[in-house]
PDB file of N, CA and C in Angstrom:
ATOM      1  N   GLY A   1      36.807 -47.505 -10.480  1.00  0.00           N
ATOM      2  CA  GLY A   1      37.101 -48.820 -10.926  1.00  0.00           C
ATOM      3  C   GLY A   1      36.464 -49.088 -12.271  1.00  0.00           C
ATOM      4  N   GLY A   2      37.252 -49.556 -13.167  1.00  0.00           N
ATOM      5  CA  GLY A   2      36.764 -49.922 -14.492  1.00  0.00           C
ATOM      6  C   GLY A   2      36.399 -51.383 -14.560  1.00  0.00           C
ATOM      7  N   GLY A   3      35.649 -51.702 -15.561  1.00  0.00           N
ATOM      8  CA  GLY A   3      35.257 -53.085 -15.774  1.00  0.00           C
ATOM      9  C   GLY A   3      36.102 -53.704 -16.873  1.00  0.00           C
ATOM     10  N   ALA A   4      35.832 -54.924 -17.140  1.00  0.00           N
ATOM     11  CA  ALA A   4      36.569 -55.628 -18.185  1.00  0.00           C
ATOM     12  C   ALA A   4      35.699 -56.729 -18.754  1.00  0.00           C
ATOM     13  N   VAL A   5      36.021 -57.146 -19.944  1.00  0.00           N
ATOM     14  CA  VAL A   5      35.369 -58.288 -20.584  1.00  0.00           C
ATOM     15  C   VAL A   5      36.458 -59.302 -20.868  1.00  0.00           C
ATOM     16  N   PHE A   6      36.187 -60.530 -20.505  1.00  0.00           N
ATOM     17  CA  PHE A   6      37.164 -61.607 -20.680  1.00  0.00           C
ATOM     18  C   PHE A   6      36.516 -62.698 -21.513  1.00  0.00           C
ATOM     19  N   PHE A   7      37.120 -63.075 -22.611  1.00  0.00           N
ATOM     20  CA  PHE A   7      36.583 -64.116 -23.477  1.00  0.00           C
ATOM     21  C   PHE A   7      37.362 -65.401 -23.282  1.00  0.00           C
ATOM     22  N   ALA A   8      36.645 -66.517 -23.302  1.00  0.00           N
ATOM     23  CA  ALA A   8      37.287 -67.822 -23.190  1.00  0.00           C
ATOM     24  C   ALA A   8      36.455 -68.840 -23.969  1.00  0.00           C
ATOM     25  N   VAL A   9      37.015 -69.994 -24.156  1.00  0.00           N
ATOM     26  CA  VAL A   9      36.359 -71.061 -24.908  1.00  0.00           C
ATOM     27  C   VAL A   9      35.927 -72.156 -23.937  1.00  0.00           C
ATOM     28  N   CYS A  10      34.697 -72.637 -24.103  1.00  0.00           N
ATOM     29  CA  CYS A  10      34.249 -73.770 -23.288  1.00  0.00           C
ATOM     30  C   CYS A  10      35.182 -74.946 -23.522  1.00  0.00           C
ATOM     31  N   ARG A  11      35.457 -75.683 -22.479  1.00  0.00           N
ATOM     32  CA  ARG A  11      36.317 -76.849 -22.470  1.00  0.00           C
ATOM     33  C   ARG A  11      37.801 -76.456 -22.394  1.00  0.00           C
ATOM     34  N   GLY A  12      38.093 -75.166 -22.350  1.00  0.00           N
ATOM     35  CA  GLY A  12      39.477 -74.708 -22.258  1.00  0.00           C
ATOM     36  C   GLY A  12      39.917 -74.539 -20.816  1.00  0.00           C
ATOM     37  N   LYS A  13      41.156 -74.160 -20.627  1.00  0.00           N
ATOM     38  CA  LYS A  13      41.724 -74.004 -19.277  1.00  0.00           C
ATOM     39  C   LYS A  13      40.956 -73.001 -18.427  1.00  0.00           C
ATOM     40  N   VAL A  14      40.595 -71.861 -18.999  1.00  0.00           N
ATOM     41  CA  VAL A  14      39.943 -70.809 -18.220  1.00  0.00           C
ATOM     42  C   VAL A  14      38.533 -71.221 -17.810  1.00  0.00           C
ATOM     43  N   SER A  15      37.822 -71.912 -18.685  1.00  0.00           N
ATOM     44  CA  SER A  15      36.443 -72.265 -18.383  1.00  0.00           C
ATOM     45  C   SER A  15      36.339 -73.357 -17.326  1.00  0.00           C
ATOM     46  N   GLU A  16      37.429 -74.057 -17.043  1.00  0.00           N
ATOM     47  CA  GLU A  16      37.366 -75.146 -16.076  1.00  0.00           C
ATOM     48  C   GLU A  16      38.435 -75.072 -14.999  1.00  0.00           C
ATOM     49  N   GLY A  17      39.290 -74.069 -15.032  1.00  0.00           N
ATOM     50  CA  GLY A  17      40.384 -74.112 -14.084  1.00  0.00           C
ATOM     51  C   GLY A  17      40.602 -72.891 -13.214  1.00  0.00           C
ATOM     52  N   LEU A  18      39.918 -71.798 -13.496  1.00  0.00           N
ATOM     53  CA  LEU A  18      40.157 -70.590 -12.718  1.00  0.00           C
ATOM     54  C   LEU A  18      38.935 -70.212 -11.894  1.00  0.00           C
ATOM     55  N   ASP A  19      39.179 -69.488 -10.823  1.00  0.00           N
ATOM     56  CA  ASP A  19      38.139 -69.080  -9.892  1.00  0.00           C
ATOM     57  C   ASP A  19      37.868 -67.590 -10.049  1.00  0.00           C
ATOM     58  N   PHE A  20      36.644 -67.229 -10.432  1.00  0.00           N
ATOM     59  CA  PHE A  20      36.248 -65.827 -10.558  1.00  0.00           C
ATOM     60  C   PHE A  20      35.177 -65.510  -9.519  1.00  0.00           C
ATOM     61  N   ALA A  21      35.458 -65.819  -8.270  1.00  0.00           N
ATOM     62  CA  ALA A  21      34.487 -65.611  -7.195  1.00  0.00           C
ATOM     63  C   ALA A  21      34.266 -64.136  -6.912  1.00  0.00           C
ATOM     64  N   ASP A  22      33.107 -63.869  -6.338  1.00  0.00           N
ATOM     65  CA  ASP A  22      32.730 -62.524  -5.897  1.00  0.00           C
ATOM     66  C   ASP A  22      32.864 -61.523  -7.044  1.00  0.00           C
ATOM     67  N   ALA A  23      33.459 -60.366  -6.806  1.00  0.00           N
ATOM     68  CA  ALA A  23      33.510 -59.304  -7.810  1.00  0.00           C
ATOM     69  C   ALA A  23      34.455 -59.617  -8.974  1.00  0.00           C
ATOM     70  N   ALA A  24      35.204 -60.695  -8.897  1.00  0.00           N
ATOM     71  CA  ALA A  24      36.114 -61.053  -9.989  1.00  0.00           C
ATOM     72  C   ALA A  24      35.367 -61.498 -11.235  1.00  0.00           C
ATOM     73  N   GLY A  25      34.111 -61.895 -11.082  1.00  0.00           N
ATOM     74  CA  GLY A  25      33.313 -62.311 -12.236  1.00  0.00           C
ATOM     75  C   GLY A  25      31.836 -62.183 -11.922  1.00  0.00           C
ATOM     76  N   ARG A  26      31.117 -61.457 -12.721  1.00  0.00           N
ATOM     77  CA  ARG A  26      29.690 -61.246 -12.460  1.00  0.00           C
ATOM     78  C   ARG A  26      28.791 -61.674 -13.608  1.00  0.00           C
ATOM     79  N   ALA A  27      29.364 -62.173 -14.687  1.00  0.00           N
ATOM     80  CA  ALA A  27      28.519 -62.634 -15.786  1.00  0.00           C
ATOM     81  C   ALA A  27      29.274 -63.632 -16.648  1.00  0.00           C
ATOM     82  N   VAL A  28      28.517 -64.514 -17.244  1.00  0.00           N
ATOM     83  CA  VAL A  28      29.062 -65.434 -18.235  1.00  0.00           C
ATOM     84  C   VAL A  28      28.028 -65.520 -19.357  1.00  0.00           C
ATOM     85  N   VAL A  29      28.512 -65.481 -20.578  1.00  0.00           N
ATOM     86  CA  VAL A  29      27.654 -65.597 -21.749  1.00  0.00           C
ATOM     87  C   VAL A  29      28.068 -66.866 -22.481  1.00  0.00           C
ATOM     88  N   ILE A  30      27.149 -67.781 -22.641  1.00  0.00           N
ATOM     89  CA  ILE A  30      27.410 -69.036 -23.339  1.00  0.00           C
ATOM     90  C   ILE A  30      26.799 -68.925 -24.733  1.00  0.00           C
ATOM     91  N   VAL A  31      27.640 -69.008 -25.748  1.00  0.00           N
ATOM     92  CA  VAL A  31      27.179 -68.918 -27.132  1.00  0.00           C
ATOM     93  C   VAL A  31      27.314 -70.308 -27.754  1.00  0.00           C
ATOM     94  N   GLY A  32      26.194 -70.955 -27.964  1.00  0.00           N
ATOM     95  CA  GLY A  32      26.212 -72.290 -28.548  1.00  0.00           C
ATOM     96  C   GLY A  32      26.414 -73.376 -27.511  1.00  0.00           C
ATOM     97  N   LEU A  33      26.299 -74.605 -27.952  1.00  0.00           N
ATOM     98  CA  LEU A  33      26.528 -75.761 -27.094  1.00  0.00           C
ATOM     99  C   LEU A  33      27.882 -76.363 -27.445  1.00  0.00           C
ATOM    100  N   PRO A  34      28.757 -76.506 -26.456  1.00  0.00           N
ATOM    101  CA  PRO A  34      30.130 -76.965 -26.718  1.00  0.00           C
ATOM    102  C   PRO A  34      30.259 -78.489 -26.813  1.00  0.00           C
ATOM    103  N   TYR A  35      29.693 -79.045 -27.875  1.00  0.00           N
ATOM    104  CA  TYR A  35      29.824 -80.487 -28.084  1.00  0.00           C
ATOM    105  C   TYR A  35      31.259 -80.827 -28.455  1.00  0.00           C
ATOM    106  N   PRO A  36      31.703 -82.019 -28.065  1.00  0.00           N
ATOM    107  CA  PRO A  36      33.036 -82.458 -28.506  1.00  0.00           C
ATOM    108  C   PRO A  36      33.051 -82.600 -30.038  1.00  0.00           C
ATOM    109  N   ASN A  37      34.221 -82.580 -30.599  1.00  0.00           N
ATOM    110  CA  ASN A  37      34.386 -82.719 -32.041  1.00  0.00           C
ATOM    111  C   ASN A  37      34.017 -84.137 -32.481  1.00  0.00           C
ATOM    112  N   LYS A  38      32.989 -84.270 -33.299  1.00  0.00           N
ATOM    113  CA  LYS A  38      32.549 -85.591 -33.764  1.00  0.00           C
ATOM    114  C   LYS A  38      33.613 -86.311 -34.572  1.00  0.00           C
ATOM    115  N   ALA A  39      34.510 -85.563 -35.199  1.00  0.00           N
ATOM    116  CA  ALA A  39      35.549 -86.164 -36.032  1.00  0.00           C
ATOM    117  C   ALA A  39      36.718 -86.710 -35.213  1.00  0.00           C
ATOM    118  N   ASP A  40      36.802 -86.347 -33.923  1.00  0.00           N
ATOM    119  CA  ASP A  40      37.876 -86.826 -33.055  1.00  0.00           C
ATOM    120  C   ASP A  40      37.735 -88.335 -32.889  1.00  0.00           C
ATOM    121  N   LEU A  41      38.808 -89.069 -33.147  1.00  0.00           N
ATOM    122  CA  LEU A  41      38.775 -90.530 -33.074  1.00  0.00           C
ATOM    123  C   LEU A  41      38.356 -91.018 -31.694  1.00  0.00           C
ATOM    124  N   ARG A  42      38.834 -90.341 -30.642  1.00  0.00           N
ATOM    125  CA  ARG A  42      38.470 -90.762 -29.277  1.00  0.00           C
ATOM    126  C   ARG A  42      36.971 -90.607 -29.034  1.00  0.00           C
ATOM    127  N   VAL A  43      36.392 -89.546 -29.574  1.00  0.00           N
ATOM    128  CA  VAL A  43      34.948 -89.320 -29.428  1.00  0.00           C
ATOM    129  C   VAL A  43      34.182 -90.402 -30.188  1.00  0.00           C
ATOM    130  N   LYS A  44      34.599 -90.698 -31.397  1.00  0.00           N
ATOM    131  CA  LYS A  44      33.948 -91.745 -32.193  1.00  0.00           C
ATOM    132  C   LYS A  44      33.988 -93.088 -31.471  1.00  0.00           C
ATOM    133  N   LEU A  45      35.175 -93.442 -30.989  1.00  0.00           N
ATOM    134  CA  LEU A  45      35.341 -94.726 -30.313  1.00  0.00           C
ATOM    135  C   LEU A  45      34.511 -94.816 -29.036  1.00  0.00           C
ATOM    136  N   LYS A  46      34.469 -93.757 -28.267  1.00  0.00           N
ATOM    137  CA  LYS A  46      33.683 -93.743 -27.019  1.00  0.00           C
ATOM    138  C   LYS A  46      32.206 -93.920 -27.338  1.00  0.00           C
ATOM    139  N   ARG A  47      31.706 -93.212 -28.347  1.00  0.00           N
ATOM    140  CA  ARG A  47      30.297 -93.324 -28.716  1.00  0.00           C
ATOM    141  C   ARG A  47      29.975 -94.730 -29.204  1.00  0.00           C
ATOM    142  N   GLU A  48      30.845 -95.282 -30.036  1.00  0.00           N
ATOM    143  CA  GLU A  48      30.627 -96.644 -30.540  1.00  0.00           C
ATOM    144  C   GLU A  48      30.617 -97.655 -29.401  1.00  0.00           C
ATOM    145  N   TYR A  49      31.573 -97.533 -28.490  1.00  0.00           N
ATOM    146  CA  TYR A  49      31.638 -98.448 -27.349  1.00  0.00           C
ATOM    147  C   TYR A  49      30.362 -98.380 -26.515  1.00  0.00           C
ATOM    148  N   LEU A  50      29.916 -97.174 -26.198  1.00  0.00           N
ATOM    149  CA  LEU A  50      28.720 -97.026 -25.369  1.00  0.00           C
ATOM    150  C   LEU A  50      27.463 -97.506 -26.101  1.00  0.00           C
ATOM    151  N   ASP A  51      27.402 -97.291 -27.405  1.00  0.00           N
ATOM    152  CA  ASP A  51      26.270 -97.803 -28.184  1.00  0.00           C
ATOM    153  C   ASP A  51      26.237 -99.328 -28.167  1.00  0.00           C
ATOM    154  N   GLU A  52      27.393 -99.943 -28.363  1.00  0.00           N
ATOM    155  CA  GLU A  52      27.470-101.410 -28.336  1.00  0.00           C
ATOM    156  C   GLU A  52      27.121-101.960 -26.958  1.00  0.00           C
ATOM    157  N   ARG A  53      27.638-101.319 -25.927  1.00  0.00           N
ATOM    158  CA  ARG A  53      27.355-101.772 -24.554  1.00  0.00           C
ATOM    159  C   ARG A  53      25.867-101.647 -24.241  1.00  0.00           C
ATOM    160  N   ALA A  54      25.263-100.538 -24.656  1.00  0.00           N
ATOM    161  CA  ALA A  54      23.828-100.347 -24.415  1.00  0.00           C
ATOM    162  C   ALA A  54      23.012-101.392 -25.161  1.00  0.00           C
ATOM    163  N   HIS A  55      23.465-101.765 -26.329  1.00  0.00           N
ATOM    164  CA  HIS A  55      22.760-102.776 -27.125  1.00  0.00           C
ATOM    165  C   HIS A  55      22.867-104.164 -26.489  1.00  0.00           C
ATOM    166  N   ARG A  56      24.046-104.471 -25.921  1.00  0.00           N
ATOM    167  CA  ARG A  56      24.299-105.787 -25.316  1.00  0.00           C
ATOM    168  C   ARG A  56      23.686-105.951 -23.937  1.00  0.00           C
ATOM    169  N   THR A  57      23.558-104.882 -23.205  1.00  0.00           N
ATOM    170  CA  THR A  57      23.128-104.963 -21.810  1.00  0.00           C
ATOM    171  C   THR A  57      21.843-104.169 -21.591  1.00  0.00           C
ATOM    172  N   ARG A  58      21.444-104.093 -20.373  1.00  0.00           N
ATOM    173  CA  ARG A  58      20.254-103.303 -20.028  1.00  0.00           C
ATOM    174  C   ARG A  58      20.594-101.857 -19.689  1.00  0.00           C
ATOM    175  N   ILE A  59      21.834-101.492 -19.814  1.00  0.00           N
ATOM    176  CA  ILE A  59      22.252-100.125 -19.539  1.00  0.00           C
ATOM    177  C   ILE A  59      21.720 -99.241 -20.653  1.00  0.00           C
ATOM    178  N   ARG A  60      20.991 -98.211 -20.295  1.00  0.00           N
ATOM    179  CA  ARG A  60      20.344 -97.364 -21.291  1.00  0.00           C
ATOM    180  C   ARG A  60      21.192 -96.159 -21.708  1.00  0.00           C
ATOM    181  N   PHE A  61      22.306 -95.975 -21.088  1.00  0.00           N
ATOM    182  CA  PHE A  61      23.184 -94.847 -21.392  1.00  0.00           C
ATOM    183  C   PHE A  61      23.997 -95.188 -22.639  1.00  0.00           C
ATOM    184  N   ASN A  62      23.714 -94.520 -23.760  1.00  0.00           N
ATOM    185  CA  ASN A  62      24.391 -94.837 -25.009  1.00  0.00           C
ATOM    186  C   ASN A  62      25.347 -93.723 -25.430  1.00  0.00           C
ATOM    187  N   GLY A  63      25.916 -93.864 -26.608  1.00  0.00           N
ATOM    188  CA  GLY A  63      26.881 -92.888 -27.106  1.00  0.00           C
ATOM    189  C   GLY A  63      26.305 -91.500 -27.284  1.00  0.00           C
ATOM    190  N   GLY A  64      25.067 -91.423 -27.734  1.00  0.00           N
ATOM    191  CA  GLY A  64      24.415 -90.120 -27.889  1.00  0.00           C
ATOM    192  C   GLY A  64      24.190 -89.434 -26.558  1.00  0.00           C
ATOM    193  N   ASP A  65      23.820 -90.223 -25.554  1.00  0.00           N
ATOM    194  CA  ASP A  65      23.634 -89.670 -24.206  1.00  0.00           C
ATOM    195  C   ASP A  65      24.949 -89.102 -23.676  1.00  0.00           C
ATOM    196  N   TRP A  66      26.011 -89.861 -23.853  1.00  0.00           N
ATOM    197  CA  TRP A  66      27.327 -89.412 -23.396  1.00  0.00           C
ATOM    198  C   TRP A  66      27.735 -88.131 -24.111  1.00  0.00           C
ATOM    199  N   TYR A  67      27.510 -88.082 -25.411  1.00  0.00           N
ATOM    200  CA  TYR A  67      27.880 -86.921 -26.214  1.00  0.00           C
ATOM    201  C   TYR A  67      27.160 -85.665 -25.726  1.00  0.00           C
ATOM    202  N   SER A  68      25.872 -85.768 -25.464  1.00  0.00           N
ATOM    203  CA  SER A  68      25.104 -84.635 -24.933  1.00  0.00           C
ATOM    204  C   SER A  68      25.580 -84.255 -23.538  1.00  0.00           C
ATOM    205  N   GLN A  69      25.885 -85.259 -22.732  1.00  0.00           N
ATOM    206  CA  GLN A  69      26.355 -85.014 -21.369  1.00  0.00           C
ATOM    207  C   GLN A  69      27.659 -84.215 -21.367  1.00  0.00           C
ATOM    208  N   GLN A  70      28.523 -84.463 -22.320  1.00  0.00           N
ATOM    209  CA  GLN A  70      29.794 -83.742 -22.385  1.00  0.00           C
ATOM    210  C   GLN A  70      29.575 -82.247 -22.626  1.00  0.00           C
ATOM    211  N   ALA A  71      28.633 -81.911 -23.486  1.00  0.00           N
ATOM    212  CA  ALA A  71      28.323 -80.495 -23.738  1.00  0.00           C
ATOM    213  C   ALA A  71      27.744 -79.846 -22.487  1.00  0.00           C
ATOM    214  N   THR A  72      26.834 -80.554 -21.825  1.00  0.00           N
ATOM    215  CA  THR A  72      26.211 -80.018 -20.616  1.00  0.00           C
ATOM    216  C   THR A  72      27.231 -79.813 -19.510  1.00  0.00           C
ATOM    217  N   ARG A  73      28.131 -80.752 -19.342  1.00  0.00           N
ATOM    218  CA  ARG A  73      29.181 -80.611 -18.322  1.00  0.00           C
ATOM    219  C   ARG A  73      30.045 -79.379 -18.588  1.00  0.00           C
ATOM    220  N   ALA A  74      30.388 -79.163 -19.852  1.00  0.00           N
ATOM    221  CA  ALA A  74      31.211 -78.001 -20.202  1.00  0.00           C
ATOM    222  C   ALA A  74      30.472 -76.703 -19.887  1.00  0.00           C
ATOM    223  N   VAL A  75      29.174 -76.655 -20.166  1.00  0.00           N
ATOM    224  CA  VAL A  75      28.380 -75.460 -19.852  1.00  0.00           C
ATOM    225  C   VAL A  75      28.333 -75.243 -18.349  1.00  0.00           C
ATOM    226  N   ASN A  76      28.069 -76.295 -17.594  1.00  0.00           N
ATOM    227  CA  ASN A  76      28.006 -76.174 -16.137  1.00  0.00           C
ATOM    228  C   ASN A  76      29.352 -75.729 -15.557  1.00  0.00           C
ATOM    229  N   GLN A  77      30.449 -76.197 -16.122  1.00  0.00           N
ATOM    230  CA  GLN A  77      31.780 -75.769 -15.672  1.00  0.00           C
ATOM    231  C   GLN A  77      31.979 -74.276 -15.911  1.00  0.00           C
ATOM    232  N   CYS A  78      31.556 -73.798 -17.077  1.00  0.00           N
ATOM    233  CA  CYS A  78      31.718 -72.367 -17.394  1.00  0.00           C
ATOM    234  C   CYS A  78      30.892 -71.499 -16.458  1.00  0.00           C
ATOM    235  N   VAL A  79      29.657 -71.889 -16.244  1.00  0.00           N
ATOM    236  CA  VAL A  79      28.795 -71.116 -15.355  1.00  0.00           C
ATOM    237  C   VAL A  79      29.342 -71.149 -13.931  1.00  0.00           C
ATOM    238  N   GLY A  80      29.924 -72.252 -13.551  1.00  0.00           N
ATOM    239  CA  GLY A  80      30.487 -72.393 -12.216  1.00  0.00           C
ATOM    240  C   GLY A  80      31.687 -71.501 -11.949  1.00  0.00           C
ATOM    241  N   ARG A  81      32.236 -70.899 -12.962  1.00  0.00           N
ATOM    242  CA  ARG A  81      33.367 -69.984 -12.769  1.00  0.00           C
ATOM    243  C   ARG A  81      32.935 -68.728 -12.029  1.00  0.00           C
ATOM    244  N   ILE A  82      31.681 -68.300 -12.185  1.00  0.00           N
ATOM    245  CA  ILE A  82      31.250 -67.051 -11.546  1.00  0.00           C
ATOM    246  C   ILE A  82      30.402 -67.267 -10.305  1.00  0.00           C
ATOM    247  N   ILE A  83      29.829 -68.426 -10.147  1.00  0.00           N
ATOM    248  CA  ILE A  83      29.019 -68.709  -8.963  1.00  0.00           C
ATOM    249  C   ILE A  83      29.790 -69.740  -8.142  1.00  0.00           C
ATOM    250  N   ARG A  84      30.552 -69.232  -7.174  1.00  0.00           N
ATOM    251  CA  ARG A  84      31.501 -70.078  -6.454  1.00  0.00           C
ATOM    252  C   ARG A  84      31.057 -70.495  -5.051  1.00  0.00           C
ATOM    253  N   HIS A  85      30.080 -69.811  -4.480  1.00  0.00           N
ATOM    254  CA  HIS A  85      29.606 -70.173  -3.145  1.00  0.00           C
ATOM    255  C   HIS A  85      28.175 -69.681  -2.987  1.00  0.00           C
ATOM    256  N   SER A  86      27.534 -70.023  -1.892  1.00  0.00           N
ATOM    257  CA  SER A  86      26.103 -69.748  -1.713  1.00  0.00           C
ATOM    258  C   SER A  86      25.761 -68.258  -1.690  1.00  0.00           C
ATOM    259  N   ASN A  87      26.694 -67.393  -1.342  1.00  0.00           N
ATOM    260  CA  ASN A  87      26.420 -65.960  -1.314  1.00  0.00           C
ATOM    261  C   ASN A  87      26.909 -65.224  -2.565  1.00  0.00           C
ATOM    262  N   ASP A  88      27.483 -65.963  -3.500  1.00  0.00           N
ATOM    263  CA  ASP A  88      27.973 -65.362  -4.733  1.00  0.00           C
ATOM    264  C   ASP A  88      26.808 -65.219  -5.713  1.00  0.00           C
ATOM    265  N   TYR A  89      26.955 -64.354  -6.675  1.00  0.00           N
ATOM    266  CA  TYR A  89      25.913 -64.182  -7.676  1.00  0.00           C
ATOM    267  C   TYR A  89      26.533 -63.759  -8.997  1.00  0.00           C
ATOM    268  N   GLY A  90      25.785 -63.947 -10.048  1.00  0.00           N
ATOM    269  CA  GLY A  90      26.239 -63.538 -11.363  1.00  0.00           C
ATOM    270  C   GLY A  90      25.134 -63.760 -12.379  1.00  0.00           C
ATOM    271  N   ALA A  91      25.225 -63.056 -13.479  1.00  0.00           N
ATOM    272  CA  ALA A  91      24.259 -63.205 -14.565  1.00  0.00           C
ATOM    273  C   ALA A  91      24.753 -64.285 -15.518  1.00  0.00           C
ATOM    274  N   VAL A  92      23.831 -65.114 -15.954  1.00  0.00           N
ATOM    275  CA  VAL A  92      24.137 -66.161 -16.922  1.00  0.00           C
ATOM    276  C   VAL A  92      23.258 -65.926 -18.137  1.00  0.00           C
ATOM    277  N   VAL A  93      23.877 -65.778 -19.283  1.00  0.00           N
ATOM    278  CA  VAL A  93      23.142 -65.528 -20.518  1.00  0.00           C
ATOM    279  C   VAL A  93      23.425 -66.673 -21.481  1.00  0.00           C
ATOM    280  N   PHE A  94      22.369 -67.357 -21.891  1.00  0.00           N
ATOM    281  CA  PHE A  94      22.495 -68.452 -22.844  1.00  0.00           C
ATOM    282  C   PHE A  94      22.055 -67.954 -24.212  1.00  0.00           C
ATOM    283  N   CYS A  95      22.977 -67.904 -25.157  1.00  0.00           N
ATOM    284  CA  CYS A  95      22.691 -67.393 -26.502  1.00  0.00           C
ATOM    285  C   CYS A  95      22.594 -68.530 -27.506  1.00  0.00           C
ATOM    286  N   ASP A  96      21.614 -69.357 -27.328  1.00  0.00           N
ATOM    287  CA  ASP A  96      21.353 -70.443 -28.259  1.00  0.00           C
ATOM    288  C   ASP A  96      19.938 -70.933 -27.976  1.00  0.00           C
ATOM    289  N   ALA A  97      19.116 -70.996 -28.980  1.00  0.00           N
ATOM    290  CA  ALA A  97      17.713 -71.400 -28.804  1.00  0.00           C
ATOM    291  C   ALA A  97      17.591 -72.795 -28.204  1.00  0.00           C
ATOM    292  N   ARG A  98      18.587 -73.635 -28.411  1.00  0.00           N
ATOM    293  CA  ARG A  98      18.524 -75.003 -27.874  1.00  0.00           C
ATOM    294  C   ARG A  98      18.489 -75.031 -26.351  1.00  0.00           C
ATOM    295  N   PHE A  99      18.980 -73.983 -25.701  1.00  0.00           N
ATOM    296  CA  PHE A  99      18.914 -73.938 -24.237  1.00  0.00           C
ATOM    297  C   PHE A  99      17.478 -73.837 -23.746  1.00  0.00           C
ATOM    298  N   GLY A 100      16.545 -73.513 -24.612  1.00  0.00           N
ATOM    299  CA  GLY A 100      15.134 -73.468 -24.248  1.00  0.00           C
ATOM    300  C   GLY A 100      14.453 -74.824 -24.327  1.00  0.00           C
ATOM    301  N   GLN A 101      15.140 -75.824 -24.838  1.00  0.00           N
ATOM    302  CA  GLN A 101      14.579 -77.168 -24.949  1.00  0.00           C
ATOM    303  C   GLN A 101      14.653 -77.880 -23.604  1.00  0.00           C
ATOM    304  N   THR A 102      13.611 -78.607 -23.291  1.00  0.00           N
ATOM    305  CA  THR A 102      13.505 -79.305 -22.007  1.00  0.00           C
ATOM    306  C   THR A 102      14.735 -80.151 -21.718  1.00  0.00           C
ATOM    307  N   GLU A 103      15.231 -80.844 -22.692  1.00  0.00           N
ATOM    308  CA  GLU A 103      16.397 -81.720 -22.526  1.00  0.00           C
ATOM    309  C   GLU A 103      17.601 -80.950 -21.995  1.00  0.00           C
ATOM    310  N   HIS A 104      17.812 -79.752 -22.494  1.00  0.00           N
ATOM    311  CA  HIS A 104      18.957 -78.954 -22.047  1.00  0.00           C
ATOM    312  C   HIS A 104      18.675 -78.233 -20.735  1.00  0.00           C
ATOM    313  N   ILE A 105      17.459 -77.794 -20.538  1.00  0.00           N
ATOM    314  CA  ILE A 105      17.084 -77.144 -19.275  1.00  0.00           C
ATOM    315  C   ILE A 105      17.277 -78.120 -18.122  1.00  0.00           C
ATOM    316  N   ASN A 106      16.803 -79.348 -18.296  1.00  0.00           N
ATOM    317  CA  ASN A 106      16.901 -80.350 -17.231  1.00  0.00           C
ATOM    318  C   ASN A 106      18.347 -80.764 -16.926  1.00  0.00           C
ATOM    319  N   ALA A 107      19.238 -80.592 -17.879  1.00  0.00           N
ATOM    320  CA  ALA A 107      20.629 -81.016 -17.700  1.00  0.00           C
ATOM    321  C   ALA A 107      21.488 -79.961 -17.012  1.00  0.00           C
ATOM    322  N   LEU A 108      20.974 -78.726 -16.896  1.00  0.00           N
ATOM    323  CA  LEU A 108      21.755 -77.670 -16.262  1.00  0.00           C
ATOM    324  C   LEU A 108      21.716 -77.781 -14.746  1.00  0.00           C
ATOM    325  N   SER A 109      22.796 -77.401 -14.100  1.00  0.00           N
ATOM    326  CA  SER A 109      22.850 -77.380 -12.633  1.00  0.00           C
ATOM    327  C   SER A 109      21.862 -76.367 -12.094  1.00  0.00           C
ATOM    328  N   CYS A 110      21.423 -76.570 -10.884  1.00  0.00           N
ATOM    329  CA  CYS A 110      20.459 -75.651 -10.250  1.00  0.00           C
ATOM    330  C   CYS A 110      21.141 -74.416  -9.673  1.00  0.00           C
ATOM    331  N   TRP A 111      22.421 -74.462  -9.481  1.00  0.00           N
ATOM    332  CA  TRP A 111      23.199 -73.373  -8.888  1.00  0.00           C
ATOM    333  C   TRP A 111      22.484 -72.835  -7.695  1.00  0.00           C
TER     334      TRP A 111
END
């Protein structure tokens, strides 16, 4: 049996829609943090809305928090492609120094 390498993009169909349980997937390499595009009008509007709401109310969740959360969710979705149940296993490699920061470590799923 030969092996294979499969490349995909965070936030894409493969990173959030397919199941690579058991021997179908044994590793995922995350290169960088998949933040949404800041230039996207929907992203700008969402951040502005959440910033205004946080300013008006006691809700502390602002646009920056949401923006970071989107990147973390995308990473957790990608990692979840290879770890599908309690007896499954796989290697996860984070290739970005920012994953060593407490803020990003705390946002990752415990798997």
